[in-house]
Protein backbone atom coordinates (compact mmCIF):
# COMPACT_ATOMS: atom_id res chain seq x y z
CA UNK A 1 0.12 0.29 0.11
CA UNK A 2 1.50 3.64 -0.98
CA UNK A 3 2.30 5.99 1.65
CA UNK A 4 -0.20 8.19 0.18
CA UNK A 5 -2.99 6.09 0.88
CA UNK A 6 -1.64 5.14 4.44
CA UNK A 7 -1.88 8.98 4.93
CA UNK A 8 -5.23 9.73 3.31
CA UNK A 9 -7.48 9.54 6.71
CA UNK A 10 -4.64 11.70 8.41
CA UNK A 11 -4.60 14.46 5.65
CA UNK A 12 -8.38 14.69 5.54
CA UNK A 13 -7.97 15.42 9.18
CA UNK A 14 -5.79 17.47 9.04
CA UNK A 15 -7.02 19.69 6.19
CA UNK A 16 -10.98 19.51 7.36
CA UNK A 17 -11.09 23.19 6.90
CA UNK A 18 -10.39 23.29 3.24
CA UNK A 19 -10.42 20.54 0.24
CA UNK A 20 -8.57 17.26 0.55
CA UNK A 21 -5.46 17.93 -1.85
CA UNK A 22 -5.56 17.88 -5.48
CA UNK A 23 -1.59 16.59 -5.97
CA UNK A 24 0.28 15.00 -3.57
CA UNK A 25 4.10 14.51 -3.52
CA UNK A 26 5.31 11.59 -0.80
CA UNK A 27 7.87 9.16 -1.00
CA UNK A 28 6.63 5.38 -0.32
CA UNK A 29 7.40 3.90 2.91
CA UNK A 30 9.27 1.62 0.50
CA UNK A 31 11.70 4.45 -1.51
CA UNK A 32 11.65 6.46 1.21
CA UNK A 33 15.34 7.95 1.56
CA UNK A 34 17.31 10.32 3.88
CA UNK A 35 21.22 10.97 3.30
CA UNK A 36 23.82 12.93 5.65
CA UNK A 37 26.44 14.65 4.19
CA UNK A 38 29.00 15.88 6.77
CA UNK A 39 32.21 18.63 6.57
CA UNK A 40 33.92 20.28 9.22
CA UNK A 41 31.89 23.76 8.25
CA UNK A 42 28.53 22.41 7.03
CA UNK A 43 26.01 19.43 7.84
CA UNK A 44 23.32 18.42 5.86
CA UNK A 45 20.54 16.12 5.99
CA UNK A 46 18.63 15.31 2.30
CA UNK A 47 15.73 13.84 1.60
CA UNK A 48 14.15 13.47 -1.75
CA UNK A 49 10.51 14.14 -2.64
CA UNK A 50 9.37 11.59 -5.62
CA UNK A 51 8.41 13.71 -8.63
CA UNK A 52 8.79 17.27 -6.82
CA UNK A 53 12.57 17.99 -5.55
CA UNK A 54 14.75 17.48 -2.49
CA UNK A 55 14.18 18.60 1.01
CA UNK A 56 17.40 19.18 2.88
CA UNK A 57 18.12 20.53 6.70
CA UNK A 58 21.71 22.50 7.00
CA UNK A 59 23.70 23.59 9.20
CA UNK A 60 26.65 25.77 8.33
CA UNK A 61 29.34 26.21 10.98
CA UNK A 62 28.67 29.36 13.22
CA UNK A 63 25.35 29.37 11.93
CA UNK A 64 21.74 27.67 12.55
CA UNK A 65 19.16 24.88 11.48
CA UNK A 66 17.84 26.02 8.06
CA UNK A 67 15.19 23.96 6.32
CA UNK A 68 14.77 24.26 2.42
CA UNK A 69 12.71 22.69 -0.17
CA UNK A 70 14.38 22.76 -3.73
CA UNK A 71 10.88 21.93 -6.29
CA UNK A 72 10.97 20.99 -9.75
CA UNK A 73 8.21 23.33 -10.37
CA UNK A 74 7.18 27.33 -10.54
CA UNK A 75 5.30 28.25 -7.35
CA UNK A 76 3.88 31.69 -7.24
CA UNK A 77 6.39 33.88 -5.36
CA UNK A 78 3.29 35.15 -3.03
CA UNK A 79 2.22 31.98 -2.22
CA UNK A 80 1.47 31.09 1.53
CA UNK A 81 2.43 27.54 2.35
CA UNK A 82 1.00 26.03 5.60
CA UNK A 83 3.23 24.02 7.55
CA UNK A 84 2.24 21.16 10.00
CA UNK A 85 3.15 17.32 10.91
CA UNK A 86 1.32 14.19 10.41
CA UNK A 87 1.66 11.40 12.85
CA UNK A 88 2.64 7.72 11.17
CA UNK A 89 -0.50 5.33 10.76
CA UNK A 90 0.15 3.53 13.58
CA UNK A 91 -0.06 6.53 15.87
CA UNK A 92 -3.60 6.96 16.12
CA UNK A 93 -3.38 8.73 19.49
CA UNK A 94 -1.18 11.16 18.18
CA UNK A 95 -2.80 14.17 16.40
CA UNK A 96 -1.73 16.58 13.46
CA UNK A 97 0.05 19.48 14.48
CA UNK A 98 0.00 22.86 12.41
CA UNK A 99 3.45 24.57 13.01
CA UNK A 100 3.23 27.66 10.51
CA UNK A 101 3.28 29.62 7.46
CA UNK A 102 6.01 30.35 4.85
CA UNK A 103 5.92 32.74 2.14
CA UNK A 104 7.62 31.17 -1.02
CA UNK A 105 10.57 33.61 -2.02
CA UNK A 106 12.39 31.82 -4.66
CA UNK A 107 11.98 30.62 -8.29
CA UNK A 108 13.41 26.93 -7.63
CA UNK A 109 12.32 26.57 -3.84
CA UNK A 110 11.40 27.76 -0.11
CA UNK A 111 12.55 27.73 3.16
CA UNK A 112 12.15 28.02 6.92
CA UNK A 113 13.68 30.04 9.46
CA UNK A 114 15.81 28.93 12.32
CA UNK A 115 13.15 28.32 14.79
CA UNK A 116 10.75 26.71 12.27
CA UNK A 117 13.66 24.76 11.22
CA UNK A 118 14.19 23.32 14.43
CA UNK A 119 10.41 22.55 14.80
CA UNK A 120 10.52 20.58 11.70
CA UNK A 121 13.16 18.81 12.75
CA UNK A 122 12.07 17.80 16.20
CA UNK A 123 8.82 16.75 14.90
CA UNK A 124 10.70 14.31 12.38
CA UNK A 125 12.86 13.03 15.20
CA UNK A 126 9.70 12.16 16.78
CA UNK A 127 8.50 9.73 13.99
CA UNK A 128 6.14 12.89 12.57
CA UNK A 129 6.13 13.48 8.98
CA UNK A 130 6.47 17.12 7.94
CA UNK A 131 4.16 18.46 5.48
CA UNK A 132 3.18 21.53 3.41
CA UNK A 133 0.34 22.44 1.51
CA UNK A 134 -0.65 25.81 -1.27
CA UNK A 135 -2.23 26.29 -4.50
CA UNK A 136 -0.16 25.90 -7.16
CA UNK A 137 -0.44 28.46 -10.78
CA UNK A 138 -3.31 25.97 -11.77
CA UNK A 139 -5.22 26.59 -8.55
CA UNK A 140 -4.71 23.09 -7.39
CA UNK A 141 -4.45 22.45 -3.59
CA UNK A 142 -0.74 20.66 -3.51
CA UNK A 143 0.43 18.80 -0.47
CA UNK A 144 4.10 17.75 -0.29
CA UNK A 145 5.27 15.17 2.51
CA UNK A 146 8.49 14.05 3.94
CA UNK A 147 8.50 10.71 5.10
CA UNK A 148 9.93 10.13 8.41
CA UNK A 149 11.05 6.30 7.46
CA UNK A 150 14.65 5.13 7.19
CA UNK A 151 15.64 8.93 8.76
CA UNK A 152 16.98 7.24 11.67
CA UNK A 153 20.22 6.60 10.84
CA UNK A 154 20.74 9.78 8.64
CA UNK A 155 19.72 11.49 11.54
CA UNK A 156 22.05 10.13 14.02
CA UNK A 157 25.38 11.13 11.30
CA UNK A 158 23.78 14.66 10.64
CA UNK A 159 23.57 15.44 14.75
CA UNK A 160 27.30 14.03 14.97
CA UNK A 161 28.40 16.20 12.19
CA UNK A 162 26.63 19.27 14.17
CA UNK A 163 28.76 18.36 17.18
CA UNK A 164 31.71 18.60 15.21
CA UNK A 165 31.63 21.39 13.28
CA UNK A 166 34.18 24.15 13.87
CA UNK A 167 32.61 26.93 16.17
CA UNK A 168 34.02 29.70 13.94
CA UNK A 169 33.08 31.09 10.68
CA UNK A 170 35.46 32.34 8.03
CA UNK A 171 34.36 35.80 9.05
CA UNK A 172 35.87 35.63 12.38
CA UNK A 173 39.34 33.83 11.14
CA UNK A 174 40.32 36.02 8.02
CA UNK A 175 42.35 38.54 10.16
CA UNK A 176 44.34 37.65 13.09
CA UNK A 177 46.76 39.40 15.06
CA UNK A 178 49.19 38.47 17.23
CA UNK A 179 51.12 40.86 19.58
CA UNK A 180 54.84 40.53 21.01
CA UNK A 181 56.49 41.59 23.85
CA UNK A 182 59.31 44.48 23.58
CA UNK A 183 62.07 43.24 20.94
CA UNK A 184 60.32 39.89 21.12
CA UNK A 185 60.00 37.47 18.79
CA UNK A 186 58.46 34.22 20.62
CA UNK A 187 54.76 33.09 20.68
CA UNK A 188 52.87 33.29 23.69
CA UNK A 189 50.37 30.72 24.79
CA UNK A 190 47.62 33.32 23.26
CA UNK A 191 49.48 33.57 20.09
CA UNK A 192 49.53 29.94 19.59
CA UNK A 193 46.31 28.82 20.12
CA UNK A 194 45.01 31.85 17.66
CA UNK A 195 47.22 29.70 15.24
CA UNK A 196 46.03 26.65 16.25
CA UNK A 197 42.12 27.79 15.44
CA UNK A 198 43.70 29.11 11.88
CA UNK A 199 45.53 25.97 11.33
CA UNK A 200 42.35 24.01 12.33
CA UNK A 201 40.22 26.29 9.69
CA UNK A 202 42.64 26.36 6.87
CA UNK A 203 42.61 22.33 7.04
CA UNK A 204 38.66 22.21 6.76
CA UNK A 205 38.21 24.69 3.82
CA UNK A 206 40.10 24.18 0.83
CA UNK A 207 38.77 27.67 -0.68
CA UNK A 208 41.43 29.26 1.21
CA UNK A 209 44.29 29.40 -0.84
CA UNK A 210 46.75 31.72 0.41
CA UNK A 211 47.68 33.26 4.28
CA UNK A 212 49.76 36.15 4.01
CA UNK A 213 51.55 37.05 7.48
CA UNK A 214 52.97 40.72 7.92
CA UNK A 215 55.31 41.16 10.65
CA UNK A 216 55.21 45.14 12.18
CA UNK A 217 57.17 46.83 15.29
CA UNK A 218 56.75 49.98 17.41
CA UNK A 219 58.84 52.99 16.70
CA UNK A 220 61.51 52.70 18.94
CA UNK A 221 65.19 51.33 17.22
CA UNK A 222 66.59 52.38 14.25
CA UNK A 223 64.45 51.04 11.10
CA UNK A 224 66.67 48.71 9.64
CA UNK A 225 66.35 46.93 13.09
CA UNK A 226 62.86 47.33 13.01
CA UNK A 227 62.86 46.03 9.51
CA UNK A 228 64.51 42.55 10.63
CA UNK A 229 62.28 41.87 13.77
CA UNK A 230 59.35 42.44 11.81
CA UNK A 231 60.74 40.01 9.63
CA UNK A 232 61.55 37.44 12.49
CA UNK A 233 58.40 37.89 13.92
CA UNK A 234 56.33 37.06 10.50
CA UNK A 235 58.94 33.85 10.24
CA UNK A 236 57.87 32.95 13.68
CA UNK A 237 54.27 32.75 12.32
CA UNK A 238 55.33 30.90 9.11
CA UNK A 239 57.19 28.14 10.86
CA UNK A 240 54.46 27.65 13.34
CA UNK A 241 51.89 26.80 10.79
CA UNK A 242 54.28 24.88 8.76
CA UNK A 243 55.06 22.58 11.81
CA UNK A 244 51.19 22.17 12.01
CA UNK A 245 50.61 20.90 8.59
CA UNK A 246 50.09 24.03 6.43
CA UNK A 247 51.62 23.84 3.11
CA UNK A 248 54.60 26.98 3.04
CA UNK A 249 53.63 27.22 -0.41
CA UNK A 250 50.81 28.62 0.40
CA UNK A 251 51.83 31.38 3.11
CA UNK A 252 53.51 34.87 2.02
CA UNK A 253 55.56 36.80 4.23
CA UNK A 254 56.12 40.38 4.74
CA UNK A 255 58.07 42.78 6.92
CA UNK A 256 57.25 46.12 7.36
CA UNK A 257 59.08 47.03 10.34
CA UNK A 258 57.50 50.32 11.84
CA UNK A 259 56.29 51.71 8.64
CA UNK A 260 52.35 50.77 9.32
CA UNK A 261 51.64 51.63 12.58
CA UNK A 262 48.02 51.17 13.78
CA UNK A 263 48.60 52.80 17.49
CA UNK A 264 50.20 55.76 18.89
CA UNK A 265 53.96 55.24 18.61
CA UNK A 266 54.16 58.40 21.44
CA UNK A 267 52.28 56.14 24.16
CA UNK A 268 52.80 52.42 25.55
CA UNK A 269 49.54 51.28 25.06
CA UNK A 270 49.60 52.08 21.21
CA UNK A 271 53.29 50.68 20.78
CA UNK A 272 51.87 47.55 22.22
CA UNK A 273 49.45 47.35 19.56
CA UNK A 274 51.96 47.90 16.93
CA UNK A 275 54.37 45.17 17.95
CA UNK A 276 52.40 42.48 15.99
CA UNK A 277 51.58 40.01 13.16
CA UNK A 278 48.88 40.25 11.07
CA UNK A 279 47.63 37.12 9.48
CA UNK A 280 45.43 37.21 6.61
CA UNK A 281 43.10 34.74 4.88
CA UNK A 282 42.52 34.96 1.45
CA UNK A 283 39.94 32.76 -0.90
């Protein structure tokens, strides 16, 4: 028996205030499949809806859970899509639940915000079937359902991926500044920790193609000495990155001496800000 026929009584109950769906898109219990795709920067949980398109939950590092459906059909941009969940056929004591609405906003699909995405995921985790209903361009009442069958193992993998996501984004790691003591070239524990974050991100994101390491000093001392000192600081950072597995060919070292201050060299606080190495990641 198809999933559509099994769910028909529940569909009628759920949509008792409106006409039954003219067209239904549901995966049968024998063809329902969920696939988890994992990386340190993005987790995805995907489900194909036969003849309609594909649904997916996604969670990028530093972001929130997002749900979207990509369709094979045109849906009016102003379409209001009703979001509900249906219980499996064997759970007669559980009633359908209405979760809210989304407004269709893309040519190829529609998406839910983080709060609704979390609700949809939680209902799916309980074995409920998320359902989306709207009127298409022809005026037909359409129902799109996501089958919870065969979702458990993929959801477990998806949750494991979420737990292992890098907790910071490229924007947060793109520019990093390390400070040094007066005439110092050694990395302190905080500096090494900052570099370890950079290494972790670089190893996870193949789009980071180049790293610039620029050394600087305050204005104390001769210009020639400061230029040499800034180069030593930059090379210390380069050596640490290479030691941790970063390809040396991706690193460009620059030495600026005291020519590019960011602080006032007339104050100790300003000079402390100028004794630095700046690491910039380029995609």
